[in-house]
């Protein structure tokens, strides 16, 4: 590997913004702490871990269980 790379002529990915959308969501502290702990264990940002979990729920068509 080189010690330094020249990105001065690099081009940003024009599709990067459309890949994910920033939203505001209210999540309780215990849930955030849980995902932060899990994220630390696997070495991912906790927001990415939450996204992966939600995607898995979506793809498996998991139904919510209300008490």
PDB file of N, CA and C in Angstrom:
ATOM      1  N   UNK A   1       0.828  -1.188   0.000  1.00  0.00           N
ATOM      2  CA  UNK A   1       0.000   0.000   0.000  1.00  0.00           C
ATOM      3  C   UNK A   1       0.868   1.246   0.000  1.00  0.00           C
ATOM      4  N   UNK A   2       0.347   2.248  -0.635  1.00  0.00           N
ATOM      5  CA  UNK A   2       1.049   3.524  -0.635  1.00  0.00           C
ATOM      6  C   UNK A   2       0.833   4.224   0.698  1.00  0.00           C
ATOM      7  N   UNK A   3       1.750   5.112   1.037  1.00  0.00           N
ATOM      8  CA  UNK A   3       1.586   5.899   2.258  1.00  0.00           C
ATOM      9  C   UNK A   3       0.559   6.995   2.049  1.00  0.00           C
ATOM     10  N   UNK A   4       0.417   7.442   0.815  1.00  0.00           N
ATOM     11  CA  UNK A   4      -0.519   8.519   0.519  1.00  0.00           C
ATOM     12  C   UNK A   4      -1.161   8.289  -0.841  1.00  0.00           C
ATOM     13  N   UNK A   5      -2.414   8.668  -0.947  1.00  0.00           N
ATOM     14  CA  UNK A   5      -3.144   8.558  -2.202  1.00  0.00           C
ATOM     15  C   UNK A   5      -3.644   9.938  -2.599  1.00  0.00           C
ATOM     16  N   UNK A   6      -3.745  10.163  -3.906  1.00  0.00           N
ATOM     17  CA  UNK A   6      -4.212  11.452  -4.413  1.00  0.00           C
ATOM     18  C   UNK A   6      -5.669  11.328  -4.850  1.00  0.00           C
ATOM     19  N   UNK A   7      -6.569  11.926  -4.070  1.00  0.00           N
ATOM     20  CA  UNK A   7      -7.988  11.893  -4.389  1.00  0.00           C
ATOM     21  C   UNK A   7      -8.471  13.225  -4.966  1.00  0.00           C
ATOM     22  N   UNK A   8      -7.553  14.088  -5.353  1.00  0.00           N
ATOM     23  CA  UNK A   8      -7.944  15.411  -5.839  1.00  0.00           C
ATOM     24  C   UNK A   8      -8.781  15.338  -7.121  1.00  0.00           C
ATOM     25  N   UNK A   9      -8.618  14.285  -7.905  1.00  0.00           N
ATOM     26  CA  UNK A   9      -9.390  14.140  -9.139  1.00  0.00           C
ATOM     27  C   UNK A   9     -10.499  13.090  -8.979  1.00  0.00           C
ATOM     28  N   UNK A  10     -10.758  12.701  -7.743  1.00  0.00           N
ATOM     29  CA  UNK A  10     -11.794  11.704  -7.469  1.00  0.00           C
ATOM     30  C   UNK A  10     -13.192  12.271  -7.683  1.00  0.00           C
ATOM     31  N   UNK A  11     -14.109  11.409  -7.990  1.00  0.00           N
ATOM     32  CA  UNK A  11     -15.503  11.798  -8.219  1.00  0.00           C
ATOM     33  C   UNK A  11     -16.367  11.083  -7.181  1.00  0.00           C
ATOM     34  N   UNK A  12     -17.245  11.838  -6.516  1.00  0.00           N
ATOM     35  CA  UNK A  12     -18.157  11.234  -5.543  1.00  0.00           C
ATOM     36  C   UNK A  12     -19.176  10.358  -6.254  1.00  0.00           C
ATOM     37  N   UNK A  13     -19.613   9.334  -5.558  1.00  0.00           N
ATOM     38  CA  UNK A  13     -20.628   8.443  -6.099  1.00  0.00           C
ATOM     39  C   UNK A  13     -21.940   9.217  -6.215  1.00  0.00           C
ATOM     40  N   UNK A  14     -22.475   9.377  -7.426  1.00  0.00           N
ATOM     41  CA  UNK A  14     -23.712  10.159  -7.593  1.00  0.00           C
ATOM     42  C   UNK A  14     -24.935   9.454  -7.016  1.00  0.00           C
ATOM     43  N   UNK A  15     -24.841   8.169  -6.728  1.00  0.00           N
ATOM     44  CA  UNK A  15     -25.971   7.407  -6.214  1.00  0.00           C
ATOM     45  C   UNK A  15     -25.931   7.248  -4.696  1.00  0.00           C
ATOM     46  N   UNK A  16     -24.876   7.711  -4.057  1.00  0.00           N
ATOM     47  CA  UNK A  16     -24.702   7.489  -2.623  1.00  0.00           C
ATOM     48  C   UNK A  16     -25.826   8.101  -1.798  1.00  0.00           C
ATOM     49  N   UNK A  17     -26.296   9.269  -2.142  1.00  0.00           N
ATOM     50  CA  UNK A  17     -27.363   9.917  -1.372  1.00  0.00           C
ATOM     51  C   UNK A  17     -28.679   9.162  -1.463  1.00  0.00           C
ATOM     52  N   UNK A  18     -28.917   8.515  -2.580  1.00  0.00           N
ATOM     53  CA  UNK A  18     -30.192   7.823  -2.748  1.00  0.00           C
ATOM     54  C   UNK A  18     -30.204   6.445  -2.094  1.00  0.00           C
ATOM     55  N   UNK A  19     -29.060   5.982  -1.628  1.00  0.00           N
ATOM     56  CA  UNK A  19     -28.997   4.662  -1.017  1.00  0.00           C
ATOM     57  C   UNK A  19     -29.652   4.637   0.359  1.00  0.00           C
ATOM     58  N   UNK A  20     -29.478   5.671   1.130  1.00  0.00           N
ATOM     59  CA  UNK A  20     -30.053   5.749   2.471  1.00  0.00           C
ATOM     60  C   UNK A  20     -30.687   7.111   2.651  1.00  0.00           C
ATOM     61  N   UNK A  21     -31.652   7.151   3.548  1.00  0.00           N
ATOM     62  CA  UNK A  21     -32.371   8.388   3.815  1.00  0.00           C
ATOM     63  C   UNK A  21     -32.280   8.704   5.299  1.00  0.00           C
ATOM     64  N   UNK A  22     -31.936   9.924   5.625  1.00  0.00           N
ATOM     65  CA  UNK A  22     -31.833  10.340   7.010  1.00  0.00           C
ATOM     66  C   UNK A  22     -33.221  10.678   7.536  1.00  0.00           C
ATOM     67  N   UNK A  23     -33.572  10.104   8.687  1.00  0.00           N
ATOM     68  CA  UNK A  23     -34.866  10.370   9.314  1.00  0.00           C
ATOM     69  C   UNK A  23     -34.655  10.645  10.794  1.00  0.00           C
ATOM     70  N   UNK A  24     -35.688  11.132  11.443  1.00  0.00           N
ATOM     71  CA  UNK A  24     -35.675  11.293  12.890  1.00  0.00           C
ATOM     72  C   UNK A  24     -36.629  10.261  13.457  1.00  0.00           C
ATOM     73  N   UNK A  25     -36.164   9.509  14.444  1.00  0.00           N
ATOM     74  CA  UNK A  25     -36.983   8.469  15.053  1.00  0.00           C
ATOM     75  C   UNK A  25     -36.726   8.482  16.553  1.00  0.00           C
ATOM     76  N   UNK A  26     -37.762   8.294  17.314  1.00  0.00           N
ATOM     77  CA  UNK A  26     -37.630   8.283  18.770  1.00  0.00           C
ATOM     78  C   UNK A  26     -37.514   6.842  19.248  1.00  0.00           C
ATOM     79  N   UNK A  27     -36.395   6.549  19.892  1.00  0.00           N
ATOM     80  CA  UNK A  27     -36.118   5.210  20.421  1.00  0.00           C
ATOM     81  C   UNK A  27     -35.745   5.367  21.883  1.00  0.00           C
ATOM     82  N   UNK A  28     -36.303   4.499  22.734  1.00  0.00           N
ATOM     83  CA  UNK A  28     -36.026   4.644  24.160  1.00  0.00           C
ATOM     84  C   UNK A  28     -34.571   4.304  24.484  1.00  0.00           C
ATOM     85  N   UNK A  29     -34.103   4.821  25.605  1.00  0.00           N
ATOM     86  CA  UNK A  29     -32.691   4.699  25.996  1.00  0.00           C
ATOM     87  C   UNK A  29     -32.232   3.253  26.134  1.00  0.00           C
ATOM     88  N   UNK A  30     -33.099   2.388  26.670  1.00  0.00           N
ATOM     89  CA  UNK A  30     -32.719   0.979  26.858  1.00  0.00           C
ATOM     90  C   UNK A  30     -32.471   0.286  25.523  1.00  0.00           C
ATOM     91  N   UNK A  31     -33.280   0.612  24.526  1.00  0.00           N
ATOM     92  CA  UNK A  31     -33.124   0.014  23.205  1.00  0.00           C
ATOM     93  C   UNK A  31     -31.828   0.494  22.551  1.00  0.00           C
ATOM     94  N   UNK A  32     -31.562   1.766  22.664  1.00  0.00           N
ATOM     95  CA  UNK A  32     -30.314   2.303  22.104  1.00  0.00           C
ATOM     96  C   UNK A  32     -29.107   1.680  22.796  1.00  0.00           C
ATOM     97  N   UNK A  33     -29.156   1.574  24.116  1.00  0.00           N
ATOM     98  CA  UNK A  33     -28.051   0.971  24.865  1.00  0.00           C
ATOM     99  C   UNK A  33     -27.830  -0.476  24.431  1.00  0.00           C
ATOM    100  N   UNK A  34     -28.918  -1.206  24.220  1.00  0.00           N
ATOM    101  CA  UNK A  34     -28.819  -2.602  23.774  1.00  0.00           C
ATOM    102  C   UNK A  34     -28.097  -2.685  22.430  1.00  0.00           C
ATOM    103  N   UNK A  35     -28.540  -1.877  21.464  1.00  0.00           N
ATOM    104  CA  UNK A  35     -27.929  -1.923  20.136  1.00  0.00           C
ATOM    105  C   UNK A  35     -26.497  -1.398  20.155  1.00  0.00           C
ATOM    106  N   UNK A  36     -26.196  -0.422  21.001  1.00  0.00           N
ATOM    107  CA  UNK A  36     -24.820   0.069  21.121  1.00  0.00           C
ATOM    108  C   UNK A  36     -23.912  -1.025  21.669  1.00  0.00           C
ATOM    109  N   UNK A  37     -24.407  -1.769  22.654  1.00  0.00           N
ATOM    110  CA  UNK A  37     -23.625  -2.869  23.219  1.00  0.00           C
ATOM    111  C   UNK A  37     -23.382  -3.956  22.175  1.00  0.00           C
ATOM    112  N   UNK A  38     -24.432  -4.325  21.455  1.00  0.00           N
ATOM    113  CA  UNK A  38     -24.294  -5.342  20.407  1.00  0.00           C
ATOM    114  C   UNK A  38     -23.359  -4.864  19.298  1.00  0.00           C
ATOM    115  N   UNK A  39     -23.467  -3.595  18.950  1.00  0.00           N
ATOM    116  CA  UNK A  39     -22.628  -3.030  17.882  1.00  0.00           C
ATOM    117  C   UNK A  39     -21.156  -3.046  18.276  1.00  0.00           C
ATOM    118  N   UNK A  40     -20.881  -2.759  19.537  1.00  0.00           N
ATOM    119  CA  UNK A  40     -19.500  -2.797  20.025  1.00  0.00           C
ATOM    120  C   UNK A  40     -18.936  -4.209  19.915  1.00  0.00           C
ATOM    121  N   UNK A  41     -19.755  -5.187  20.227  1.00  0.00           N
ATOM    122  CA  UNK A  41     -19.312  -6.590  20.171  1.00  0.00           C
ATOM    123  C   UNK A  41     -18.984  -7.043  18.755  1.00  0.00           C
ATOM    124  N   UNK A  42     -19.761  -6.581  17.772  1.00  0.00           N
ATOM    125  CA  UNK A  42     -19.530  -7.027  16.395  1.00  0.00           C
ATOM    126  C   UNK A  42     -18.700  -6.050  15.578  1.00  0.00           C
ATOM    127  N   UNK A  43     -18.422  -4.874  16.134  1.00  0.00           N
ATOM    128  CA  UNK A  43     -17.566  -3.915  15.446  1.00  0.00           C
ATOM    129  C   UNK A  43     -18.255  -3.123  14.349  1.00  0.00           C
ATOM    130  N   UNK A  44     -19.538  -2.811  14.553  1.00  0.00           N
ATOM    131  CA  UNK A  44     -20.293  -2.003  13.597  1.00  0.00           C
ATOM    132  C   UNK A  44     -20.845  -0.774  14.307  1.00  0.00           C
ATOM    133  N   UNK A  45     -21.128   0.296  13.584  1.00  0.00           N
ATOM    134  CA  UNK A  45     -21.843   1.416  14.190  1.00  0.00           C
ATOM    135  C   UNK A  45     -23.255   0.950  14.571  1.00  0.00           C
ATOM    136  N   UNK A  46     -23.765   1.431  15.705  1.00  0.00           N
ATOM    137  CA  UNK A  46     -25.062   0.940  16.180  1.00  0.00           C
ATOM    138  C   UNK A  46     -26.203   1.278  15.230  1.00  0.00           C
ATOM    139  N   UNK A  47     -26.102   2.399  14.519  1.00  0.00           N
ATOM    140  CA  UNK A  47     -27.157   2.745  13.568  1.00  0.00           C
ATOM    141  C   UNK A  47     -27.180   1.761  12.403  1.00  0.00           C
ATOM    142  N   UNK A  48     -26.018   1.307  11.983  1.00  0.00           N
ATOM    143  CA  UNK A  48     -25.946   0.299  10.922  1.00  0.00           C
ATOM    144  C   UNK A  48     -26.539  -1.017  11.404  1.00  0.00           C
ATOM    145  N   UNK A  49     -26.285  -1.353  12.664  1.00  0.00           N
ATOM    146  CA  UNK A  49     -26.828  -2.582  13.225  1.00  0.00           C
ATOM    147  C   UNK A  49     -28.355  -2.521  13.296  1.00  0.00           C
ATOM    148  N   UNK A  50     -28.903  -1.389  13.712  1.00  0.00           N
ATOM    149  CA  UNK A  50     -30.357  -1.216  13.738  1.00  0.00           C
ATOM    150  C   UNK A  50     -30.915  -1.349  12.328  1.00  0.00           C
ATOM    151  N   UNK A  51     -30.256  -0.753  11.352  1.00  0.00           N
ATOM    152  CA  UNK A  51     -30.702  -0.857   9.963  1.00  0.00           C
ATOM    153  C   UNK A  51     -30.679  -2.308   9.490  1.00  0.00           C
ATOM    154  N   UNK A  52     -29.626  -3.044   9.820  1.00  0.00           N
ATOM    155  CA  UNK A  52     -29.548  -4.449   9.431  1.00  0.00           C
ATOM    156  C   UNK A  52     -30.671  -5.265  10.064  1.00  0.00           C
ATOM    157  N   UNK A  53     -30.972  -4.979  11.333  1.00  0.00           N
ATOM    158  CA  UNK A  53     -32.037  -5.700  12.019  1.00  0.00           C
ATOM    159  C   UNK A  53     -33.395  -5.400  11.377  1.00  0.00           C
ATOM    160  N   UNK A  54     -33.659  -4.135  11.101  1.00  0.00           N
ATOM    161  CA  UNK A  54     -34.926  -3.765  10.472  1.00  0.00           C
ATOM    162  C   UNK A  54     -35.054  -4.368   9.078  1.00  0.00           C
ATOM    163  N   UNK A  55     -33.951  -4.390   8.333  1.00  0.00           N
ATOM    164  CA  UNK A  55     -33.967  -4.988   6.997  1.00  0.00           C
ATOM    165  C   UNK A  55     -34.264  -6.482   7.095  1.00  0.00           C
ATOM    166  N   UNK A  56     -33.658  -7.157   8.076  1.00  0.00           N
ATOM    167  CA  UNK A  56     -33.911  -8.582   8.270  1.00  0.00           C
ATOM    168  C   UNK A  56     -35.383  -8.827   8.583  1.00  0.00           C
ATOM    169  N   UNK A  57     -35.968  -7.983   9.431  1.00  0.00           N
ATOM    170  CA  UNK A  57     -37.402  -8.095   9.744  1.00  0.00           C
ATOM    171  C   UNK A  57     -38.238  -7.925   8.485  1.00  0.00           C
ATOM    172  N   UNK A  58     -37.874  -6.966   7.674  1.00  0.00           N
ATOM    173  CA  UNK A  58     -38.610  -6.690   6.446  1.00  0.00           C
ATOM    174  C   UNK A  58     -38.509  -7.860   5.471  1.00  0.00           C
ATOM    175  N   UNK A  59     -37.287  -8.356   5.246  1.00  0.00           N
ATOM    176  CA  UNK A  59     -37.071  -9.410   4.273  1.00  0.00           C
ATOM    177  C   UNK A  59     -37.719 -10.723   4.690  1.00  0.00           C
ATOM    178  N   UNK A  60     -37.752 -10.992   5.990  1.00  0.00           N
ATOM    179  CA  UNK A  60     -38.361 -12.229   6.465  1.00  0.00           C
ATOM    180  C   UNK A  60     -39.856 -12.049   6.755  1.00  0.00           C
ATOM    181  N   UNK A  61     -40.350 -10.832   6.507  1.00  0.00           N
ATOM    182  CA  UNK A  61     -41.762 -10.501   6.726  1.00  0.00           C
ATOM    183  C   UNK A  61     -42.212 -10.849   8.138  1.00  0.00           C
ATOM    184  N   UNK A  62     -41.322 -10.563   9.083  1.00  0.00           N
ATOM    185  CA  UNK A  62     -41.599 -10.824  10.494  1.00  0.00           C
ATOM    186  C   UNK A  62     -42.755  -9.967  10.963  1.00  0.00           C
ATOM    187  N   UNK A  63     -43.690 -10.549  11.677  1.00  0.00           N
ATOM    188  CA  UNK A  63     -44.845  -9.820  12.195  1.00  0.00           C
ATOM    189  C   UNK A  63     -44.578  -9.394  13.638  1.00  0.00           C
ATOM    190  N   UNK A  64     -45.056  -8.227  14.000  1.00  0.00           N
ATOM    191  CA  UNK A  64     -44.905  -7.741  15.369  1.00  0.00           C
ATOM    192  C   UNK A  64     -45.846  -8.481  16.292  1.00  0.00           C
ATOM    193  N   UNK A  65     -45.377  -8.710  17.518  1.00  0.00           N
ATOM    194  CA  UNK A  65     -46.201  -9.358  18.532  1.00  0.00           C
ATOM    195  C   UNK A  65     -46.503  -8.311  19.600  1.00  0.00           C
ATOM    196  N   UNK A  66     -47.756  -7.922  19.719  1.00  0.00           N
ATOM    197  CA  UNK A  66     -48.154  -6.955  20.727  1.00  0.00           C
ATOM    198  C   UNK A  66     -48.674  -7.688  21.951  1.00  0.00           C
ATOM    199  N   UNK A  67     -48.302  -7.193  23.105  1.00  0.00           N
ATOM    200  CA  UNK A  67     -48.735  -7.841  24.357  1.00  0.00           C
ATOM    201  C   UNK A  67     -50.145  -7.484  24.715  1.00  0.00           C
TER     202      UNK A  67
END
